[in-house]
Amino acid sequence: MNQPIVGYHLDEYSDWVADLACGHGQHVRHHPPFFSRPWVLTQEGRTRQIGQLLFCKRCHEPDLSPPGA
């Protein structure tokens, strides 16, 4: 399910995580040739991506937590 980017934060390894409108996060790394996201390297680039849609894997996956948890 596509969700808009609403912000960013750094994880414990100093990798950028996009904060999505659904409340989940998704890493946005620039590691060519696997991931080409040079915009993540600058504040200006990240700011320009606010509102852009990313596929949220966690919204797409079925809830595997036990009932009542």
Foldseek 3Di string as FASTA:
>chain_A
DKFFFAAWDADPVRFIWTQTPVRDIHTQDPDPPVHHQPLVVDPVSVVVRGGPIDDDPVVVDDDPDDPPD
